[in-house]
Amino acid sequence: MDEAAPVIDTSKMNEGQRAALELTEAARETSKARTFAAGLFMGEFNLDGLRPFPEQSTETRDQGDAFLQRLEKILREKTNPDEIDATGEIPQPVMDELARLGAFGIKISPEYGGLGLSQTNYCRAAMLLGSWCGNLTALISAHQSIGVPQPLILFGTDAQKKKFLPRVARGEISAFALTENGVGSDPAAMITHAEPTSDGKHFILNGEKLWCTNGTKAGVIAVMAKTPPKESKGKKKDQITAFIVEMDSPGVEVIHRCRFMGLKALYNGVIRFTNVLVPRENI
């Protein structure tokens, strides 16, 4: 027997909350198979939903070992984590060493100048970085996980990959911009917006983003913005679109760098976009 869908009372929700709920429901998995974690919320403890932790092949692990040995040498011989915490800055020579090693392109295919290592080896690298200097983990991880590289690997066009992946693999830092005042886990309330130009070749981006990790050092940034609504099932629904924005574009302004008690060398900032012209091909 099919289970009845849960009923959610939306009568006391504002428009933004209802829109966020609709987005969540639209993204809900349609598979009838319930995962182990989902089953726990329903009072089930189904071990059939668990799988063994994946083991890397010997060749893949050896590739990771070789990279980690070189990375550890840089950390021990060239990196002073106490100095980084004291100054709130990662020295440029350290960044240059990491770039030469390929640390900014761990998962990027060699076709685009990266190392092409596995996700597991990427996680091993993050563990090693974190054991020496958490600021470096944040720099490298934000660059490759929420910054420009990973979205391009998953969803980018061939032209976008050829244009941007070699740059970020070489060490040009990338960042991510989603959060706004009152907007974090609730992207439906986003204010930042992008409107197409009359010729359809560009979008004009306006808004202000908070907590943009790597934003004060980045050359390129992935920006989430509302775009004109589309009709779905007879209703117009706002769209949220990801844009690749060049940080040296006219109208991009770093308002200030955010400082933290923990990661003192985290390059996190508030960024304002004022009539920034973004090519359509950067979607």
C-alpha atoms as a PDB file:
ATOM      1  CA  MET A   1       0.000   0.000   0.000  1.00  0.00           C
ATOM      2  CA  ASP A   2       1.324   3.433  -0.951  1.00  0.00           C
ATOM      3  CA  GLU A   3       1.971   5.725   1.978  1.00  0.00           C
ATOM      4  CA  ALA A   4      -0.057   8.903   2.242  1.00  0.00           C
ATOM      5  CA  ALA A   5       1.948  12.013   1.471  1.00  0.00           C
ATOM      6  CA  PRO A   6       2.558  14.216   4.526  1.00  0.00           C
ATOM      7  CA  VAL A   7       0.277  17.242   4.780  1.00  0.00           C
ATOM      8  CA  ILE A   8       2.027  20.525   5.513  1.00  0.00           C
ATOM      9  CA  ASP A   9       0.034  23.502   6.749  1.00  0.00           C
ATOM     10  CA  THR A  10       1.067  26.481   4.628  1.00  0.00           C
ATOM     11  CA  SER A  11      -1.629  28.849   5.876  1.00  0.00           C
ATOM     12  CA  LYS A  12       0.753  30.708   8.208  1.00  0.00           C
ATOM     13  CA  MET A  13       3.684  30.808   5.785  1.00  0.00           C
ATOM     14  CA  ASN A  14       4.703  33.952   3.987  1.00  0.00           C
ATOM     15  CA  GLU A  15       5.261  33.984   0.241  1.00  0.00           C
ATOM     16  CA  GLY A  16       8.986  33.334   0.559  1.00  0.00           C
ATOM     17  CA  GLN A  17       8.471  30.351   2.858  1.00  0.00           C
ATOM     18  CA  ARG A  18       5.901  28.836   0.518  1.00  0.00           C
ATOM     19  CA  ALA A  19       8.248  29.316  -2.436  1.00  0.00           C
ATOM     20  CA  ALA A  20      11.071  27.633  -0.486  1.00  0.00           C
ATOM     21  CA  LEU A  21       8.779  24.716   0.333  1.00  0.00           C
ATOM     22  CA  GLU A  22       7.781  24.355  -3.324  1.00  0.00           C
ATOM     23  CA  LEU A  23      11.442  24.270  -4.338  1.00  0.00           C
ATOM     24  CA  THR A  24      12.158  21.621  -1.724  1.00  0.00           C
ATOM     25  CA  GLU A  25       9.214  19.475  -2.765  1.00  0.00           C
ATOM     26  CA  ALA A  26      10.141  19.798  -6.440  1.00  0.00           C
ATOM     27  CA  ALA A  27      13.618  18.503  -5.644  1.00  0.00           C
ATOM     28  CA  ARG A  28      12.386  15.608  -3.520  1.00  0.00           C
ATOM     29  CA  GLU A  29      13.561  12.193  -4.659  1.00  0.00           C
ATOM     30  CA  THR A  30      10.901  10.344  -6.621  1.00  0.00           C
ATOM     31  CA  SER A  31      12.409   6.900  -6.086  1.00  0.00           C
ATOM     32  CA  LYS A  32      10.281   4.481  -4.100  1.00  0.00           C
ATOM     33  CA  ALA A  33      13.413   3.056  -2.491  1.00  0.00           C
ATOM     34  CA  ARG A  34      14.030   4.611   0.922  1.00  0.00           C
ATOM     35  CA  THR A  35      17.584   5.303   2.005  1.00  0.00           C
ATOM     36  CA  PHE A  36      18.890   4.146   5.381  1.00  0.00           C
ATOM     37  CA  ALA A  37      18.947   7.695   6.779  1.00  0.00           C
ATOM     38  CA  ALA A  38      15.433   8.453   5.506  1.00  0.00           C
ATOM     39  CA  GLY A  39      14.210   5.246   7.127  1.00  0.00           C
ATOM     40  CA  LEU A  40      15.507   6.356  10.524  1.00  0.00           C
ATOM     41  CA  PHE A  41      13.130   9.313  10.428  1.00  0.00           C
ATOM     42  CA  MET A  42      10.284   6.857   9.856  1.00  0.00           C
ATOM     43  CA  GLY A  43      11.323   4.597  12.744  1.00  0.00           C
ATOM     44  CA  GLU A  44      12.992   2.010  10.512  1.00  0.00           C
ATOM     45  CA  PHE A  45      16.436   0.459  10.935  1.00  0.00           C
ATOM     46  CA  ASN A  46      16.949  -1.216   7.580  1.00  0.00           C
ATOM     47  CA  LEU A  47      20.543  -2.420   7.198  1.00  0.00           C
ATOM     48  CA  ASP A  48      19.839  -3.337   3.575  1.00  0.00           C
ATOM     49  CA  GLY A  49      20.257   0.351   2.815  1.00  0.00           C
ATOM     50  CA  LEU A  50      23.908   0.358   3.906  1.00  0.00           C
ATOM     51  CA  ARG A  51      26.858  -0.318   1.629  1.00  0.00           C
ATOM     52  CA  PRO A  52      30.520  -1.042   2.457  1.00  0.00           C
ATOM     53  CA  PHE A  53      32.869   1.918   2.407  1.00  0.00           C
ATOM     54  CA  PRO A  54      34.344   2.039  -1.127  1.00  0.00           C
ATOM     55  CA  GLU A  55      37.947   0.918  -1.431  1.00  0.00           C
ATOM     56  CA  GLN A  56      40.241   2.580  -3.924  1.00  0.00           C
ATOM     57  CA  SER A  57      42.157   0.504  -6.425  1.00  0.00           C
ATOM     58  CA  THR A  58      45.881   0.097  -5.752  1.00  0.00           C
ATOM     59  CA  GLU A  59      46.706   2.356  -8.700  1.00  0.00           C
ATOM     60  CA  THR A  60      44.336   5.118  -7.544  1.00  0.00           C
ATOM     61  CA  ARG A  61      45.604   4.962  -3.979  1.00  0.00           C
ATOM     62  CA  ASP A  62      49.224   5.067  -5.146  1.00  0.00           C
ATOM     63  CA  GLN A  63      48.433   8.222  -7.120  1.00  0.00           C
ATOM     64  CA  GLY A  64      47.004   9.772  -3.982  1.00  0.00           C
ATOM     65  CA  ASP A  65      49.960   8.662  -1.857  1.00  0.00           C
ATOM     66  CA  ALA A  66      52.446  10.290  -4.245  1.00  0.00           C
ATOM     67  CA  PHE A  67      50.528  13.582  -4.168  1.00  0.00           C
ATOM     68  CA  LEU A  68      50.136  13.532  -0.387  1.00  0.00           C
ATOM     69  CA  GLN A  69      53.872  12.991   0.110  1.00  0.00           C
ATOM     70  CA  ARG A  70      54.664  16.092  -1.936  1.00  0.00           C
ATOM     71  CA  LEU A  71      51.919  18.062  -0.188  1.00  0.00           C
ATOM     72  CA  GLU A  72      53.200  17.080   3.255  1.00  0.00           C
ATOM     73  CA  LYS A  73      56.713  18.205   2.295  1.00  0.00           C
ATOM     74  CA  ILE A  74      55.383  21.670   1.384  1.00  0.00           C
ATOM     75  CA  LEU A  75      53.409  21.897   4.618  1.00  0.00           C
ATOM     76  CA  ARG A  76      56.321  20.877   6.830  1.00  0.00           C
ATOM     77  CA  GLU A  77      59.088  22.796   5.059  1.00  0.00           C
ATOM     78  CA  LYS A  78      57.370  25.864   3.618  1.00  0.00           C
ATOM     79  CA  THR A  79      54.292  26.560   5.759  1.00  0.00           C
ATOM     80  CA  ASN A  80      54.168  28.117   9.220  1.00  0.00           C
ATOM     81  CA  PRO A  81      50.596  27.738  10.550  1.00  0.00           C
ATOM     82  CA  ASP A  82      51.304  29.869  13.640  1.00  0.00           C
ATOM     83  CA  GLU A  83      52.490  32.730  11.461  1.00  0.00           C
ATOM     84  CA  ILE A  84      49.407  32.411   9.272  1.00  0.00           C
ATOM     85  CA  ASP A  85      47.147  32.612  12.334  1.00  0.00           C
ATOM     86  CA  ALA A  86      49.121  35.534  13.770  1.00  0.00           C
ATOM     87  CA  THR A  87      49.080  37.628  10.581  1.00  0.00           C
ATOM     88  CA  GLY A  88      45.710  36.542   9.213  1.00  0.00           C
ATOM     89  CA  GLU A  89      47.352  36.050   5.820  1.00  0.00           C
ATOM     90  CA  ILE A  90      48.519  33.059   3.778  1.00  0.00           C
ATOM     91  CA  PRO A  91      51.913  34.026   2.287  1.00  0.00           C
ATOM     92  CA  GLN A  92      51.926  34.218  -1.503  1.00  0.00           C
ATOM     93  CA  PRO A  93      54.962  31.874  -1.740  1.00  0.00           C
ATOM     94  CA  VAL A  94      52.891  29.178   0.000  1.00  0.00           C
ATOM     95  CA  MET A  95      50.047  29.669  -2.475  1.00  0.00           C
ATOM     96  CA  ASP A  96      52.544  29.517  -5.333  1.00  0.00           C
ATOM     97  CA  GLU A  97      53.965  26.228  -4.033  1.00  0.00           C
ATOM     98  CA  LEU A  98      50.470  24.744  -3.755  1.00  0.00           C
ATOM     99  CA  ALA A  99      49.635  25.928  -7.255  1.00  0.00           C
ATOM    100  CA  ARG A 100      52.780  24.348  -8.718  1.00  0.00           C
ATOM    101  CA  LEU A 101      51.905  21.107  -6.953  1.00  0.00           C
ATOM    102  CA  GLY A 102      48.436  21.111  -8.518  1.00  0.00           C
ATOM    103  CA  ALA A 103      46.563  21.477  -5.221  1.00  0.00           C
ATOM    104  CA  PHE A 104      44.038  23.850  -6.803  1.00  0.00           C
ATOM    105  CA  GLY A 105      43.087  21.264  -9.423  1.00  0.00           C
ATOM    106  CA  ILE A 106      43.035  17.996  -7.495  1.00  0.00           C
ATOM    107  CA  LYS A 107      39.830  16.675  -9.103  1.00  0.00           C
ATOM    108  CA  ILE A 108      40.090  18.556 -12.402  1.00  0.00           C
ATOM    109  CA  SER A 109      40.867  16.317 -15.366  1.00  0.00           C
ATOM    110  CA  PRO A 110      44.423  16.405 -16.783  1.00  0.00           C
ATOM    111  CA  GLU A 111      42.723  17.432 -20.036  1.00  0.00           C
ATOM    112  CA  TYR A 112      42.223  20.849 -18.428  1.00  0.00           C
ATOM    113  CA  GLY A 113      45.494  21.006 -16.512  1.00  0.00           C
ATOM    114  CA  GLY A 114      44.388  19.301 -13.283  1.00  0.00           C
ATOM    115  CA  LEU A 115      45.563  16.179 -11.487  1.00  0.00           C
ATOM    116  CA  GLY A 116      42.428  14.097 -12.028  1.00  0.00           C
ATOM    117  CA  LEU A 117      42.598  12.452  -8.604  1.00  0.00           C
ATOM    118  CA  SER A 118      39.653  10.663  -7.017  1.00  0.00           C
ATOM    119  CA  GLN A 119      37.168  12.120  -4.555  1.00  0.00           C
ATOM    120  CA  THR A 120      38.673   9.913  -1.837  1.00  0.00           C
ATOM    121  CA  ASN A 121      42.161  11.256  -2.516  1.00  0.00           C
ATOM    122  CA  TYR A 122      40.733  14.771  -2.463  1.00  0.00           C
ATOM    123  CA  CYS A 123      39.301  14.059   0.996  1.00  0.00           C
ATOM    124  CA  ARG A 124      42.652  12.627   2.125  1.00  0.00           C
ATOM    125  CA  ALA A 125      44.312  15.852   0.988  1.00  0.00           C
ATOM    126  CA  ALA A 126      41.784  17.921   2.943  1.00  0.00           C
ATOM    127  CA  MET A 127      42.517  15.830   6.049  1.00  0.00           C
ATOM    128  CA  LEU A 128      46.251  16.385   5.665  1.00  0.00           C
ATOM    129  CA  LEU A 129      45.811  20.131   5.123  1.00  0.00           C
ATOM    130  CA  GLY A 130      43.533  20.356   8.149  1.00  0.00           C
ATOM    131  CA  SER A 131      46.031  18.510  10.344  1.00  0.00           C
ATOM    132  CA  TRP A 132      48.578  21.261   9.616  1.00  0.00           C
ATOM    133  CA  CYS A 133      46.623  24.474   8.944  1.00  0.00           C
ATOM    134  CA  GLY A 134      42.840  24.814   8.853  1.00  0.00           C
ATOM    135  CA  ASN A 135      43.116  28.051   6.882  1.00  0.00           C
ATOM    136  CA  LEU A 136      44.662  26.154   3.967  1.00  0.00           C
ATOM    137  CA  THR A 137      41.899  23.544   4.102  1.00  0.00           C
ATOM    138  CA  ALA A 138      39.277  26.290   3.794  1.00  0.00           C
ATOM    139  CA  LEU A 139      41.117  27.947   0.910  1.00  0.00           C
ATOM    140  CA  ILE A 140      41.622  24.764  -1.125  1.00  0.00           C
ATOM    141  CA  SER A 141      38.282  23.140  -0.275  1.00  0.00           C
ATOM    142  CA  ALA A 142      36.051  26.153  -0.878  1.00  0.00           C
ATOM    143  CA  HIS A 143      37.858  26.750  -4.172  1.00  0.00           C
ATOM    144  CA  GLN A 144      37.167  23.211  -5.419  1.00  0.00           C
ATOM    145  CA  SER A 145      33.923  22.183  -3.745  1.00  0.00           C
ATOM    146  CA  ILE A 146      31.615  25.229  -3.777  1.00  0.00           C
ATOM    147  CA  GLY A 147      33.660  27.475  -6.040  1.00  0.00           C
ATOM    148  CA  VAL A 148      33.753  27.356  -9.838  1.00  0.00           C
ATOM    149  CA  PRO A 149      35.532  24.005 -10.539  1.00  0.00           C
ATOM    150  CA  GLN A 150      33.005  21.492  -9.198  1.00  0.00           C
ATOM    151  CA  PRO A 151      29.870  23.048 -10.771  1.00  0.00           C
ATOM    152  CA  LEU A 152      31.727  23.194 -14.091  1.00  0.00           C
ATOM    153  CA  ILE A 153      32.833  19.563 -13.812  1.00  0.00           C
ATOM    154  CA  LEU A 154      29.246  18.497 -13.141  1.00  0.00           C
ATOM    155  CA  PHE A 155      27.203  20.860 -15.309  1.00  0.00           C
ATOM    156  CA  GLY A 156      29.506  23.036 -17.428  1.00  0.00           C
ATOM    157  CA  THR A 157      29.530  23.175 -21.202  1.00  0.00           C
ATOM    158  CA  ASP A 158      32.630  22.162 -23.145  1.00  0.00           C
ATOM    159  CA  ALA A 159      33.314  25.821 -23.910  1.00  0.00           C
ATOM    160  CA  GLN A 160      33.057  26.794 -20.221  1.00  0.00           C
ATOM    161  CA  LYS A 161      35.371  23.970 -19.176  1.00  0.00           C
ATOM    162  CA  LYS A 162      37.987  24.966 -21.761  1.00  0.00           C
ATOM    163  CA  LYS A 163      37.804  28.611 -20.696  1.00  0.00           C
ATOM    164  CA  PHE A 164      37.765  28.365 -16.905  1.00  0.00           C
ATOM    165  CA  LEU A 165      39.083  24.988 -15.718  1.00  0.00           C
ATOM    166  CA  PRO A 166      42.703  25.536 -16.830  1.00  0.00           C
ATOM    167  CA  ARG A 167      42.708  28.873 -15.014  1.00  0.00           C
ATOM    168  CA  VAL A 168      41.437  27.533 -11.685  1.00  0.00           C
ATOM    169  CA  ALA A 169      43.610  24.409 -11.979  1.00  0.00           C
ATOM    170  CA  ARG A 170      46.707  26.636 -12.282  1.00  0.00           C
ATOM    171  CA  GLY A 171      45.830  28.395  -9.044  1.00  0.00           C
ATOM    172  CA  GLU A 172      43.479  31.241  -9.914  1.00  0.00           C
ATOM    173  CA  ILE A 173      41.260  31.184  -6.829  1.00  0.00           C
ATOM    174  CA  SER A 174      37.503  30.795  -7.135  1.00  0.00           C
ATOM    175  CA  ALA A 175      34.736  31.638  -4.669  1.00  0.00           C
ATOM    176  CA  PHE A 176      31.023  31.127  -4.043  1.00  0.00           C
ATOM    177  CA  ALA A 177      28.258  33.655  -3.374  1.00  0.00           C
ATOM    178  CA  LEU A 178      24.835  32.587  -2.077  1.00  0.00           C
ATOM    179  CA  THR A 179      24.163  34.038   1.387  1.00  0.00           C
ATOM    180  CA  GLU A 180      22.467  37.413   1.834  1.00  0.00           C
ATOM    181  CA  ASN A 181      20.875  39.244   4.750  1.00  0.00           C
ATOM    182  CA  GLY A 182      18.120  36.849   5.804  1.00  0.00           C
ATOM    183  CA  VAL A 183      19.004  34.390   3.024  1.00  0.00           C
ATOM    184  CA  GLY A 184      21.069  31.287   3.669  1.00  0.00           C
ATOM    185  CA  SER A 185      19.190  28.032   3.934  1.00  0.00           C
ATOM    186  CA  ASP A 186      16.197  29.812   2.382  1.00  0.00           C
ATOM    187  CA  PRO A 187      17.325  30.705  -1.158  1.00  0.00           C
ATOM    188  CA  ALA A 188      13.742  31.401  -2.271  1.00  0.00           C
ATOM    189  CA  ALA A 189      13.994  34.708  -0.349  1.00  0.00           C
ATOM    190  CA  MET A 190      16.991  35.803  -2.416  1.00  0.00           C
ATOM    191  CA  ILE A 191      17.097  39.468  -3.441  1.00  0.00           C
ATOM    192  CA  THR A 192      20.114  39.412  -5.765  1.00  0.00           C
ATOM    193  CA  HIS A 193      18.748  39.260  -9.289  1.00  0.00           C
ATOM    194  CA  ALA A 194      19.889  39.156 -12.906  1.00  0.00           C
ATOM    195  CA  GLU A 195      17.853  40.497 -15.808  1.00  0.00           C
ATOM    196  CA  PRO A 196      18.555  39.662 -19.459  1.00  0.00           C
ATOM    197  CA  THR A 197      19.575  42.480 -21.782  1.00  0.00           C
ATOM    198  CA  SER A 198      17.303  43.356 -24.699  1.00  0.00           C
ATOM    199  CA  ASP A 199      19.509  41.442 -27.140  1.00  0.00           C
ATOM    200  CA  GLY A 200      19.598  38.391 -24.857  1.00  0.00           C
ATOM    201  CA  LYS A 201      23.391  38.170 -24.950  1.00  0.00           C
ATOM    202  CA  HIS A 202      24.030  39.231 -21.350  1.00  0.00           C
ATOM    203  CA  PHE A 203      22.452  39.421 -17.909  1.00  0.00           C
ATOM    204  CA  ILE A 204      22.659  42.491 -15.678  1.00  0.00           C
ATOM    205  CA  LEU A 205      23.467  41.377 -12.136  1.00  0.00           C
ATOM    206  CA  ASN A 206      22.578  43.386  -9.026  1.00  0.00           C
ATOM    207  CA  GLY A 207      22.734  42.484  -5.345  1.00  0.00           C
ATOM    208  CA  GLU A 208      24.917  42.061  -2.283  1.00  0.00           C
ATOM    209  CA  LYS A 209      26.281  38.778  -0.934  1.00  0.00           C
ATOM    210  CA  LEU A 210      27.572  37.941   2.541  1.00  0.00           C
ATOM    211  CA  TRP A 211      30.099  35.356   3.760  1.00  0.00           C
ATOM    212  CA  CYS A 212      31.668  34.792   0.327  1.00  0.00           C
ATOM    213  CA  THR A 213      34.473  32.371   1.150  1.00  0.00           C
ATOM    214  CA  ASN A 214      37.600  33.113  -0.925  1.00  0.00           C
ATOM    215  CA  GLY A 215      35.774  36.186  -2.216  1.00  0.00           C
ATOM    216  CA  THR A 216      38.501  38.672  -1.305  1.00  0.00           C
ATOM    217  CA  LYS A 217      41.166  36.665  -3.189  1.00  0.00           C
ATOM    218  CA  ALA A 218      39.162  35.210  -6.067  1.00  0.00           C
ATOM    219  CA  GLY A 219      39.571  35.795  -9.769  1.00  0.00           C
ATOM    220  CA  VAL A 220      36.246  34.152 -10.565  1.00  0.00           C
ATOM    221  CA  ILE A 221      33.175  33.528  -8.431  1.00  0.00           C
ATOM    222  CA  ALA A 222      30.030  31.420  -8.723  1.00  0.00           C
ATOM    223  CA  VAL A 223      27.078  33.711  -7.971  1.00  0.00           C
ATOM    224  CA  MET A 224      23.521  32.557  -7.319  1.00  0.00           C
ATOM    225  CA  ALA A 225      20.855  35.032  -8.440  1.00  0.00           C
ATOM    226  CA  LYS A 226      17.156  35.176  -9.181  1.00  0.00           C
ATOM    227  CA  THR A 227      16.280  35.341 -12.861  1.00  0.00           C
ATOM    228  CA  PRO A 228      12.917  36.051 -14.527  1.00  0.00           C
ATOM    229  CA  PRO A 229      10.167  33.580 -13.592  1.00  0.00           C
ATOM    230  CA  LYS A 230       9.065  30.760 -15.847  1.00  0.00           C
ATOM    231  CA  GLU A 231       5.594  29.273 -16.075  1.00  0.00           C
ATOM    232  CA  SER A 232       5.142  25.807 -14.632  1.00  0.00           C
ATOM    233  CA  LYS A 233       1.763  24.091 -14.253  1.00  0.00           C
ATOM    234  CA  GLY A 234      -0.011  27.361 -14.909  1.00  0.00           C
ATOM    235  CA  LYS A 235       1.956  29.286 -12.282  1.00  0.00           C
ATOM    236  CA  LYS A 236       4.909  31.606 -12.690  1.00  0.00           C
ATOM    237  CA  LYS A 237       7.842  30.512 -10.562  1.00  0.00           C
ATOM    238  CA  ASP A 238      11.031  32.406  -9.796  1.00  0.00           C
ATOM    239  CA  GLN A 239      14.211  30.840 -11.101  1.00  0.00           C
ATOM    240  CA  ILE A 240      17.580  30.725  -9.354  1.00  0.00           C
ATOM    241  CA  THR A 241      20.523  30.676 -11.732  1.00  0.00           C
ATOM    242  CA  ALA A 242      24.257  30.181 -11.159  1.00  0.00           C
ATOM    243  CA  PHE A 243      26.564  32.596 -12.982  1.00  0.00           C
ATOM    244  CA  ILE A 244      30.333  32.563 -13.373  1.00  0.00           C
ATOM    245  CA  VAL A 245      31.403  36.139 -12.724  1.00  0.00           C
ATOM    246  CA  GLU A 246      34.854  37.614 -13.328  1.00  0.00           C
ATOM    247  CA  MET A 247      35.846  39.503 -10.192  1.00  0.00           C
ATOM    248  CA  ASP A 248      37.498  42.270 -12.217  1.00  0.00           C
ATOM    249  CA  SER A 249      34.237  43.025 -14.034  1.00  0.00           C
ATOM    250  CA  PRO A 250      33.025  46.637 -13.730  1.00  0.00           C
ATOM    251  CA  GLY A 251      30.488  46.877 -10.905  1.00  0.00           C
ATOM    252  CA  VAL A 252      31.969  44.104  -8.722  1.00  0.00           C
ATOM    253  CA  GLU A 253      33.037  45.532  -5.370  1.00  0.00           C
ATOM    254  CA  VAL A 254      34.458  43.855  -2.269  1.00  0.00           C
ATOM    255  CA  ILE A 255      32.836  45.880   0.528  1.00  0.00           C
ATOM    256  CA  HIS A 256      34.970  44.440   3.297  1.00  0.00           C
ATOM    257  CA  ARG A 257      36.695  41.304   4.465  1.00  0.00           C
ATOM    258  CA  CYS A 258      35.029  39.346   7.263  1.00  0.00           C
ATOM    259  CA  ARG A 259      37.211  38.400  10.220  1.00  0.00           C
ATOM    260  CA  PHE A 260      36.724  35.356  12.429  1.00  0.00           C
ATOM    261  CA  MET A 261      37.911  34.108  15.827  1.00  0.00           C
ATOM    262  CA  GLY A 262      38.890  30.715  14.452  1.00  0.00           C
ATOM    263  CA  LEU A 263      40.118  30.752  10.856  1.00  0.00           C
ATOM    264  CA  LYS A 264      41.998  34.028  10.979  1.00  0.00           C
ATOM    265  CA  ALA A 265      43.300  33.766   7.401  1.00  0.00           C
ATOM    266  CA  LEU A 266      39.951  32.924   5.835  1.00  0.00           C
ATOM    267  CA  TYR A 267      39.475  35.135   2.766  1.00  0.00           C
ATOM    268  CA  ASN A 268      35.787  35.695   3.321  1.00  0.00           C
ATOM    269  CA  GLY A 269      34.021  38.893   2.387  1.00  0.00           C
ATOM    270  CA  VAL A 270      30.930  40.912   1.563  1.00  0.00           C
ATOM    271  CA  ILE A 271      30.620  41.532  -2.180  1.00  0.00           C
ATOM    272  CA  ARG A 272      28.334  43.952  -3.990  1.00  0.00           C
ATOM    273  CA  PHE A 273      27.293  43.598  -7.631  1.00  0.00           C
ATOM    274  CA  THR A 274      26.049  46.772  -9.311  1.00  0.00           C
ATOM    275  CA  ASN A 275      24.834  46.496 -12.911  1.00  0.00           C
ATOM    276  CA  VAL A 276      27.440  43.824 -13.633  1.00  0.00           C
ATOM    277  CA  LEU A 277      27.259  42.660 -17.238  1.00  0.00           C
ATOM    278  CA  VAL A 278      27.561  38.853 -17.351  1.00  0.00           C
ATOM    279  CA  PRO A 279      27.671  36.996 -20.690  1.00  0.00           C
ATOM    280  CA  ARG A 280      24.853  34.504 -21.182  1.00  0.00           C
ATOM    281  CA  GLU A 281      27.449  31.816 -21.873  1.00  0.00           C
ATOM    282  CA  ASN A 282      28.590  32.155 -18.237  1.00  0.00           C
ATOM    283  CA  ILE A 283      25.396  30.517 -16.963  1.00  0.00           C
END
